[in-house]
Amino acid sequence: MTLRDGEYGFNLIELMVAIAIAGVLLGLGLSSARTMLVSNKTRSAAESMQAGLMMARAEAIRRNAPMRFQLVSNLAAGCTLSSSGQLWIVSQTDQVARGDVSGVCNSQPYTPPDQPDPCSPDPGVCPTTGTPPANCRPTGNPAACASDPWIAYKSPPIGSTDYSTTGTGAGGAGAASTVTFGPIGQVLPNLGSTTTLGMITVTPVSVTDAKTWAVRITPSSGAIKLCDPSKASTDPLGC
């Protein structure tokens, strides 16, 4: 380019420096956006856990019956209870044998969902044609009440590699996947005497400087709180 007197242009070195600076700024912007995106994902996952826990507790009060919240490996047959599960299921329990969803997470909730005991007397499985009776078990559920997990609600079937989930007992007492709420919202011992879930922590994996969130269950009262593990326990947002 030919410049007239008094005009100034860029030489090659200046142009390369400008491009380098622009690249750095763009990289910082993309990194910040990625961090914000993953932070939003961890919070959304924690809020999903919070919603499931609150649903289990509210249903226990409404039905006047124990309800379980369980972290699970997946929503298919052959699932396991998992302290690192990103999905959850709420089920009613008799605290004797029924209510454990292990191996039968593909079972469907009852309709209506709030029957005192949909298997007493055993109504059988819903027919595949015609109008089903009010109390029959959903098609595809186990053929006997003793094997039916009595599911009330499930989480959306969505997981992510951007974060990990860790369920622990109250006070950090080992891995845990399940908490049972009683008719006044209190925490009851789990069927099978497994460790009671006291906190679920959602930790970013793909972007380590993204935000970690947690949900805490108060051991006695069953109160549920979304919290920030990085803050002191005395802080209103702390765990």
C-alpha atoms as a PDB file:
ATOM      1  CA  MET A   1       0.000   0.000   0.000  1.00  0.00           C
ATOM      2  CA  THR A   2       1.338   3.438  -0.911  1.00  0.00           C
ATOM      3  CA  LEU A   3       0.990   6.061   1.821  1.00  0.00           C
ATOM      4  CA  ARG A   4       0.760   9.786   1.202  1.00  0.00           C
ATOM      5  CA  ASP A   5       2.592  12.319   3.334  1.00  0.00           C
ATOM      6  CA  GLY A   6       1.143  12.465   6.843  1.00  0.00           C
ATOM      7  CA  GLU A   7      -0.495   9.020   6.654  1.00  0.00           C
ATOM      8  CA  TYR A   8       0.617   6.113   8.761  1.00  0.00           C
ATOM      9  CA  GLY A   9       0.111   2.349   8.319  1.00  0.00           C
ATOM     10  CA  PHE A  10       1.066  -0.884  10.087  1.00  0.00           C
ATOM     11  CA  ASN A  11       4.242  -2.714   9.415  1.00  0.00           C
ATOM     12  CA  LEU A  12       4.363  -6.519   9.549  1.00  0.00           C
ATOM     13  CA  ILE A  13       5.617  -6.699  13.145  1.00  0.00           C
ATOM     14  CA  GLU A  14       2.881  -4.379  14.421  1.00  0.00           C
ATOM     15  CA  LEU A  15       0.258  -6.412  12.604  1.00  0.00           C
ATOM     16  CA  MET A  16       1.548  -9.676  14.106  1.00  0.00           C
ATOM     17  CA  VAL A  17       1.545  -8.175  17.616  1.00  0.00           C
ATOM     18  CA  ALA A  18      -2.038  -6.965  17.150  1.00  0.00           C
ATOM     19  CA  ILE A  19      -3.156 -10.413  15.984  1.00  0.00           C
ATOM     20  CA  ALA A  20      -1.385 -12.062  18.934  1.00  0.00           C
ATOM     21  CA  ILE A  21      -3.082  -9.746  21.431  1.00  0.00           C
ATOM     22  CA  ALA A  22      -6.462 -10.356  19.806  1.00  0.00           C
ATOM     23  CA  GLY A  23      -5.866 -14.111  20.013  1.00  0.00           C
ATOM     24  CA  VAL A  24      -5.015 -13.909  23.721  1.00  0.00           C
ATOM     25  CA  LEU A  25      -8.112 -11.831  24.454  1.00  0.00           C
ATOM     26  CA  LEU A  26     -10.290 -14.225  22.458  1.00  0.00           C
ATOM     27  CA  GLY A  27      -8.812 -17.203  24.306  1.00  0.00           C
ATOM     28  CA  LEU A  28      -9.478 -15.566  27.672  1.00  0.00           C
ATOM     29  CA  GLY A  29     -13.046 -14.858  26.626  1.00  0.00           C
ATOM     30  CA  LEU A  30     -13.651 -18.424  25.484  1.00  0.00           C
ATOM     31  CA  SER A  31     -12.103 -19.800  28.676  1.00  0.00           C
ATOM     32  CA  SER A  32     -14.303 -17.558  30.812  1.00  0.00           C
ATOM     33  CA  ALA A  33     -17.402 -18.559  28.841  1.00  0.00           C
ATOM     34  CA  ARG A  34     -16.550 -22.259  29.215  1.00  0.00           C
ATOM     35  CA  THR A  35     -16.059 -21.827  32.968  1.00  0.00           C
ATOM     36  CA  MET A  36     -19.420 -20.078  33.274  1.00  0.00           C
ATOM     37  CA  LEU A  37     -21.141 -22.766  31.206  1.00  0.00           C
ATOM     38  CA  VAL A  38     -19.802 -25.616  33.344  1.00  0.00           C
ATOM     39  CA  SER A  39     -20.588 -23.683  36.549  1.00  0.00           C
ATOM     40  CA  ASN A  40     -24.179 -23.375  35.342  1.00  0.00           C
ATOM     41  CA  LYS A  41     -24.244 -27.117  34.656  1.00  0.00           C
ATOM     42  CA  THR A  42     -23.015 -28.008  38.138  1.00  0.00           C
ATOM     43  CA  ARG A  43     -25.597 -25.730  39.728  1.00  0.00           C
ATOM     44  CA  SER A  44     -28.392 -27.132  37.550  1.00  0.00           C
ATOM     45  CA  ALA A  45     -27.380 -30.676  38.501  1.00  0.00           C
ATOM     46  CA  ALA A  46     -27.346 -29.761  42.200  1.00  0.00           C
ATOM     47  CA  GLU A  47     -30.748 -28.096  41.858  1.00  0.00           C
ATOM     48  CA  SER A  48     -32.104 -31.270  40.224  1.00  0.00           C
ATOM     49  CA  MET A  49     -30.899 -33.270  43.247  1.00  0.00           C
ATOM     50  CA  GLN A  50     -32.446 -30.690  45.558  1.00  0.00           C
ATOM     51  CA  ALA A  51     -35.769 -30.898  43.698  1.00  0.00           C
ATOM     52  CA  GLY A  52     -35.798 -34.704  43.952  1.00  0.00           C
ATOM     53  CA  LEU A  53     -35.035 -34.608  47.677  1.00  0.00           C
ATOM     54  CA  MET A  54     -37.718 -32.003  48.328  1.00  0.00           C
ATOM     55  CA  MET A  55     -40.198 -34.053  46.309  1.00  0.00           C
ATOM     56  CA  ALA A  56     -39.424 -37.184  48.346  1.00  0.00           C
ATOM     57  CA  ARG A  57     -39.835 -35.312  51.629  1.00  0.00           C
ATOM     58  CA  ALA A  58     -43.037 -33.564  50.539  1.00  0.00           C
ATOM     59  CA  GLU A  59     -44.545 -36.865  49.350  1.00  0.00           C
ATOM     60  CA  ALA A  60     -43.681 -38.557  52.649  1.00  0.00           C
ATOM     61  CA  ILE A  61     -45.644 -35.856  54.460  1.00  0.00           C
ATOM     62  CA  ARG A  62     -48.528 -35.859  51.977  1.00  0.00           C
ATOM     63  CA  ARG A  63     -48.890 -39.651  51.837  1.00  0.00           C
ATOM     64  CA  ASN A  64     -48.160 -40.179  55.550  1.00  0.00           C
ATOM     65  CA  ALA A  65     -45.714 -42.903  54.461  1.00  0.00           C
ATOM     66  CA  PRO A  66     -41.911 -43.315  54.243  1.00  0.00           C
ATOM     67  CA  MET A  67     -40.346 -42.243  50.938  1.00  0.00           C
ATOM     68  CA  ARG A  68     -36.856 -42.963  49.609  1.00  0.00           C
ATOM     69  CA  PHE A  69     -34.586 -40.738  47.504  1.00  0.00           C
ATOM     70  CA  GLN A  70     -31.951 -42.830  45.704  1.00  0.00           C
ATOM     71  CA  LEU A  71     -28.977 -41.938  43.507  1.00  0.00           C
ATOM     72  CA  VAL A  72     -28.753 -44.561  40.755  1.00  0.00           C
ATOM     73  CA  SER A  73     -26.294 -45.560  38.041  1.00  0.00           C
ATOM     74  CA  ASN A  74     -28.915 -45.401  35.269  1.00  0.00           C
ATOM     75  CA  LEU A  75     -32.673 -45.699  34.695  1.00  0.00           C
ATOM     76  CA  ALA A  76     -32.553 -49.115  33.019  1.00  0.00           C
ATOM     77  CA  ALA A  77     -33.006 -52.670  34.221  1.00  0.00           C
ATOM     78  CA  GLY A  78     -29.928 -53.828  36.064  1.00  0.00           C
ATOM     79  CA  CYS A  79     -29.268 -50.415  37.629  1.00  0.00           C
ATOM     80  CA  THR A  80     -27.490 -50.097  40.957  1.00  0.00           C
ATOM     81  CA  LEU A  81     -27.691 -47.651  43.841  1.00  0.00           C
ATOM     82  CA  SER A  82     -24.622 -45.463  43.355  1.00  0.00           C
ATOM     83  CA  SER A  83     -23.072 -42.716  45.461  1.00  0.00           C
ATOM     84  CA  SER A  84     -21.679 -41.305  42.192  1.00  0.00           C
ATOM     85  CA  GLY A  85     -24.969 -41.554  40.287  1.00  0.00           C
ATOM     86  CA  GLN A  86     -26.119 -38.454  38.426  1.00  0.00           C
ATOM     87  CA  LEU A  87     -29.725 -39.705  38.197  1.00  0.00           C
ATOM     88  CA  TRP A  88     -32.251 -40.232  40.982  1.00  0.00           C
ATOM     89  CA  ILE A  89     -35.492 -42.064  41.770  1.00  0.00           C
ATOM     90  CA  VAL A  90     -38.079 -41.431  44.498  1.00  0.00           C
ATOM     91  CA  SER A  91     -40.013 -44.460  45.720  1.00  0.00           C
ATOM     92  CA  GLN A  92     -42.386 -45.285  48.547  1.00  0.00           C
ATOM     93  CA  THR A  93     -41.210 -47.935  51.020  1.00  0.00           C
ATOM     94  CA  ASP A  94     -42.766 -50.172  53.620  1.00  0.00           C
ATOM     95  CA  GLN A  95     -39.382 -50.253  55.427  1.00  0.00           C
ATOM     96  CA  VAL A  96     -39.542 -54.052  55.278  1.00  0.00           C
ATOM     97  CA  ALA A  97     -38.913 -55.214  51.710  1.00  0.00           C
ATOM     98  CA  ARG A  98     -40.425 -52.855  49.154  1.00  0.00           C
ATOM     99  CA  GLY A  99     -39.126 -49.557  47.810  1.00  0.00           C
ATOM    100  CA  ASP A 100     -35.558 -50.476  46.818  1.00  0.00           C
ATOM    101  CA  VAL A 101     -35.171 -49.728  43.096  1.00  0.00           C
ATOM    102  CA  SER A 102     -31.945 -51.720  42.601  1.00  0.00           C
ATOM    103  CA  GLY A 103     -32.103 -53.690  39.347  1.00  0.00           C
ATOM    104  CA  VAL A 104     -35.545 -52.404  38.339  1.00  0.00           C
ATOM    105  CA  CYS A 105     -35.069 -48.692  37.604  1.00  0.00           C
ATOM    106  CA  ASN A 106     -36.878 -49.217  34.294  1.00  0.00           C
ATOM    107  CA  SER A 107     -40.141 -49.689  36.223  1.00  0.00           C
ATOM    108  CA  GLN A 108     -42.724 -46.952  35.795  1.00  0.00           C
ATOM    109  CA  PRO A 109     -44.478 -44.842  38.444  1.00  0.00           C
ATOM    110  CA  TYR A 110     -48.014 -45.727  39.488  1.00  0.00           C
ATOM    111  CA  THR A 111     -50.979 -43.685  38.259  1.00  0.00           C
ATOM    112  CA  PRO A 112     -52.298 -42.073  40.357  1.00  0.00           C
ATOM    113  CA  PRO A 113     -48.989 -41.846  42.244  1.00  0.00           C
ATOM    114  CA  ASP A 114     -50.271 -41.339  45.774  1.00  0.00           C
ATOM    115  CA  GLN A 115     -52.232 -44.501  46.570  1.00  0.00           C
ATOM    116  CA  PRO A 116     -51.799 -45.686  50.185  1.00  0.00           C
ATOM    117  CA  ASP A 117     -50.705 -49.119  48.981  1.00  0.00           C
ATOM    118  CA  PRO A 118     -51.312 -49.923  45.307  1.00  0.00           C
ATOM    119  CA  CYS A 119     -50.419 -53.562  45.908  1.00  0.00           C
ATOM    120  CA  SER A 120     -52.886 -54.340  48.683  1.00  0.00           C
ATOM    121  CA  PRO A 121     -54.637 -56.355  47.422  1.00  0.00           C
ATOM    122  CA  ASP A 122     -52.348 -57.171  44.492  1.00  0.00           C
ATOM    123  CA  PRO A 123     -54.067 -55.584  41.447  1.00  0.00           C
ATOM    124  CA  GLY A 124     -51.892 -57.302  38.835  1.00  0.00           C
ATOM    125  CA  VAL A 125     -50.179 -55.701  35.850  1.00  0.00           C
ATOM    126  CA  CYS A 126     -52.152 -53.306  33.638  1.00  0.00           C
ATOM    127  CA  PRO A 127     -53.517 -54.890  30.429  1.00  0.00           C
ATOM    128  CA  THR A 128     -51.914 -53.775  27.175  1.00  0.00           C
ATOM    129  CA  THR A 129     -55.319 -53.091  25.595  1.00  0.00           C
ATOM    130  CA  GLY A 130     -58.545 -51.544  26.797  1.00  0.00           C
ATOM    131  CA  THR A 131     -59.082 -49.276  29.782  1.00  0.00           C
ATOM    132  CA  PRO A 132     -56.801 -50.314  32.664  1.00  0.00           C
ATOM    133  CA  PRO A 133     -58.145 -50.607  36.216  1.00  0.00           C
ATOM    134  CA  ALA A 134     -57.281 -47.746  38.544  1.00  0.00           C
ATOM    135  CA  ASN A 135     -54.789 -49.608  40.723  1.00  0.00           C
ATOM    136  CA  CYS A 136     -52.940 -51.904  38.322  1.00  0.00           C
ATOM    137  CA  ARG A 137     -49.163 -51.895  38.055  1.00  0.00           C
ATOM    138  CA  PRO A 138     -47.774 -50.147  34.952  1.00  0.00           C
ATOM    139  CA  THR A 139     -47.127 -52.406  31.962  1.00  0.00           C
ATOM    140  CA  GLY A 140     -43.550 -53.653  32.037  1.00  0.00           C
ATOM    141  CA  ASN A 141     -43.207 -53.526  35.825  1.00  0.00           C
ATOM    142  CA  PRO A 142     -42.373 -56.725  37.740  1.00  0.00           C
ATOM    143  CA  ALA A 143     -45.203 -59.247  37.772  1.00  0.00           C
ATOM    144  CA  ALA A 144     -45.392 -59.430  41.575  1.00  0.00           C
ATOM    145  CA  CYS A 145     -45.804 -56.720  44.167  1.00  0.00           C
ATOM    146  CA  ALA A 146     -42.915 -58.091  46.193  1.00  0.00           C
ATOM    147  CA  SER A 147     -40.585 -57.240  43.297  1.00  0.00           C
ATOM    148  CA  ASP A 148     -42.153 -53.919  42.311  1.00  0.00           C
ATOM    149  CA  PRO A 149     -40.079 -50.927  43.508  1.00  0.00           C
ATOM    150  CA  TRP A 150     -43.130 -48.710  44.070  1.00  0.00           C
ATOM    151  CA  ILE A 151     -41.625 -45.792  42.124  1.00  0.00           C
ATOM    152  CA  ALA A 152     -43.177 -42.349  42.488  1.00  0.00           C
ATOM    153  CA  TYR A 153     -40.903 -40.082  40.426  1.00  0.00           C
ATOM    154  CA  LYS A 154     -37.703 -40.172  38.357  1.00  0.00           C
ATOM    155  CA  SER A 155     -35.119 -37.605  37.316  1.00  0.00           C
ATOM    156  CA  PRO A 156     -34.734 -36.679  33.639  1.00  0.00           C
ATOM    157  CA  PRO A 157     -32.444 -39.259  31.960  1.00  0.00           C
ATOM    158  CA  ILE A 158     -29.619 -36.747  31.494  1.00  0.00           C
ATOM    159  CA  GLY A 159     -26.026 -37.008  32.708  1.00  0.00           C
ATOM    160  CA  SER A 160     -22.820 -35.148  31.875  1.00  0.00           C
ATOM    161  CA  THR A 161     -19.071 -35.689  31.638  1.00  0.00           C
ATOM    162  CA  ASP A 162     -18.532 -32.064  32.708  1.00  0.00           C
ATOM    163  CA  TYR A 163     -19.080 -32.870  36.393  1.00  0.00           C
ATOM    164  CA  SER A 164     -19.037 -35.709  38.902  1.00  0.00           C
ATOM    165  CA  THR A 165     -21.498 -36.451  41.699  1.00  0.00           C
ATOM    166  CA  THR A 166     -20.535 -37.684  45.169  1.00  0.00           C
ATOM    167  CA  GLY A 167     -23.016 -38.790  47.819  1.00  0.00           C
ATOM    168  CA  THR A 168     -21.758 -39.006  51.407  1.00  0.00           C
ATOM    169  CA  GLY A 169     -23.251 -39.774  54.794  1.00  0.00           C
ATOM    170  CA  ALA A 170     -23.994 -37.113  57.383  1.00  0.00           C
ATOM    171  CA  GLY A 171     -20.754 -35.503  58.520  1.00  0.00           C
ATOM    172  CA  GLY A 172     -18.903 -37.140  55.623  1.00  0.00           C
ATOM    173  CA  ALA A 173     -19.419 -40.635  57.038  1.00  0.00           C
ATOM    174  CA  GLY A 174     -18.548 -42.688  53.951  1.00  0.00           C
ATOM    175  CA  ALA A 175     -20.223 -43.123  50.579  1.00  0.00           C
ATOM    176  CA  ALA A 176     -24.027 -43.030  50.544  1.00  0.00           C
ATOM    177  CA  SER A 177     -26.778 -43.091  47.937  1.00  0.00           C
ATOM    178  CA  THR A 178     -30.084 -43.188  49.817  1.00  0.00           C
ATOM    179  CA  VAL A 179     -32.083 -41.176  52.321  1.00  0.00           C
ATOM    180  CA  THR A 180     -35.532 -42.060  53.682  1.00  0.00           C
ATOM    181  CA  PHE A 181     -38.016 -39.412  54.842  1.00  0.00           C
ATOM    182  CA  GLY A 182     -40.799 -40.102  57.338  1.00  0.00           C
ATOM    183  CA  PRO A 183     -44.393 -38.813  57.597  1.00  0.00           C
ATOM    184  CA  ILE A 184     -43.383 -35.575  59.354  1.00  0.00           C
ATOM    185  CA  GLY A 185     -40.433 -34.969  57.042  1.00  0.00           C
ATOM    186  CA  GLN A 186     -37.851 -36.422  59.405  1.00  0.00           C
ATOM    187  CA  VAL A 187     -34.975 -38.685  58.319  1.00  0.00           C
ATOM    188  CA  LEU A 188     -35.575 -42.389  59.002  1.00  0.00           C
ATOM    189  CA  PRO A 189     -33.092 -45.301  58.947  1.00  0.00           C
ATOM    190  CA  ASN A 190     -32.808 -46.793  55.461  1.00  0.00           C
ATOM    191  CA  LEU A 191     -34.257 -50.153  54.513  1.00  0.00           C
ATOM    192  CA  GLY A 192     -31.338 -52.583  54.902  1.00  0.00           C
ATOM    193  CA  SER A 193     -29.601 -50.212  57.353  1.00  0.00           C
ATOM    194  CA  THR A 194     -27.425 -48.671  54.637  1.00  0.00           C
ATOM    195  CA  THR A 195     -25.611 -45.384  55.315  1.00  0.00           C
ATOM    196  CA  THR A 196     -28.017 -42.453  55.205  1.00  0.00           C
ATOM    197  CA  LEU A 197     -27.270 -39.839  52.553  1.00  0.00           C
ATOM    198  CA  GLY A 198     -26.313 -36.523  54.155  1.00  0.00           C
ATOM    199  CA  MET A 199     -24.831 -34.521  51.296  1.00  0.00           C
ATOM    200  CA  ILE A 200     -24.558 -34.622  47.504  1.00  0.00           C
ATOM    201  CA  THR A 201     -21.621 -32.712  46.006  1.00  0.00           C
ATOM    202  CA  VAL A 202     -21.499 -31.815  42.310  1.00  0.00           C
ATOM    203  CA  THR A 203     -17.896 -31.132  41.250  1.00  0.00           C
ATOM    204  CA  PRO A 204     -16.728 -29.782  37.854  1.00  0.00           C
ATOM    205  CA  VAL A 205     -14.417 -32.121  35.943  1.00  0.00           C
ATOM    206  CA  SER A 206     -13.850 -30.705  32.472  1.00  0.00           C
ATOM    207  CA  VAL A 207     -13.141 -27.181  33.809  1.00  0.00           C
ATOM    208  CA  THR A 208     -11.618 -27.391  37.268  1.00  0.00           C
ATOM    209  CA  ASP A 209     -12.039 -23.695  38.109  1.00  0.00           C
ATOM    210  CA  ALA A 210     -15.806 -23.890  37.571  1.00  0.00           C
ATOM    211  CA  LYS A 211     -18.090 -23.736  40.612  1.00  0.00           C
ATOM    212  CA  THR A 212     -18.758 -26.702  42.907  1.00  0.00           C
ATOM    213  CA  TRP A 213     -22.242 -26.943  44.435  1.00  0.00           C
ATOM    214  CA  ALA A 214     -23.762 -29.256  47.030  1.00  0.00           C
ATOM    215  CA  VAL A 215     -27.083 -30.200  48.607  1.00  0.00           C
ATOM    216  CA  ARG A 216     -27.155 -30.920  52.350  1.00  0.00           C
ATOM    217  CA  ILE A 217     -29.773 -32.931  54.252  1.00  0.00           C
ATOM    218  CA  THR A 218     -30.044 -32.160  57.968  1.00  0.00           C
ATOM    219  CA  PRO A 219     -29.795 -35.573  59.742  1.00  0.00           C
ATOM    220  CA  SER A 220     -32.685 -35.148  62.180  1.00  0.00           C
ATOM    221  CA  SER A 221     -35.220 -32.741  60.716  1.00  0.00           C
ATOM    222  CA  GLY A 222     -34.673 -33.643  57.049  1.00  0.00           C
ATOM    223  CA  ALA A 223     -34.300 -29.994  56.007  1.00  0.00           C
ATOM    224  CA  ILE A 224     -32.756 -29.649  52.527  1.00  0.00           C
ATOM    225  CA  LYS A 225     -30.373 -26.871  51.493  1.00  0.00           C
ATOM    226  CA  LEU A 226     -28.502 -25.936  48.316  1.00  0.00           C
ATOM    227  CA  CYS A 227     -25.084 -24.729  49.492  1.00  0.00           C
ATOM    228  CA  ASP A 228     -21.550 -23.691  48.549  1.00  0.00           C
ATOM    229  CA  PRO A 229     -18.846 -26.040  49.954  1.00  0.00           C
ATOM    230  CA  SER A 230     -16.182 -23.327  49.563  1.00  0.00           C
ATOM    231  CA  LYS A 231     -17.859 -21.147  52.207  1.00  0.00           C
ATOM    232  CA  ALA A 232     -17.683 -21.586  55.968  1.00  0.00           C
ATOM    233  CA  SER A 233     -20.479 -23.547  57.623  1.00  0.00           C
ATOM    234  CA  THR A 234     -21.412 -20.376  59.531  1.00  0.00           C
ATOM    235  CA  ASP A 235     -22.044 -18.544  56.256  1.00  0.00           C
ATOM    236  CA  PRO A 236     -25.718 -18.530  55.141  1.00  0.00           C
ATOM    237  CA  LEU A 237     -24.614 -20.106  51.830  1.00  0.00           C
ATOM    238  CA  GLY A 238     -22.145 -22.507  53.434  1.00  0.00           C
ATOM    239  CA  CYS A 239     -22.629 -26.241  53.862  1.00  0.00           C
END
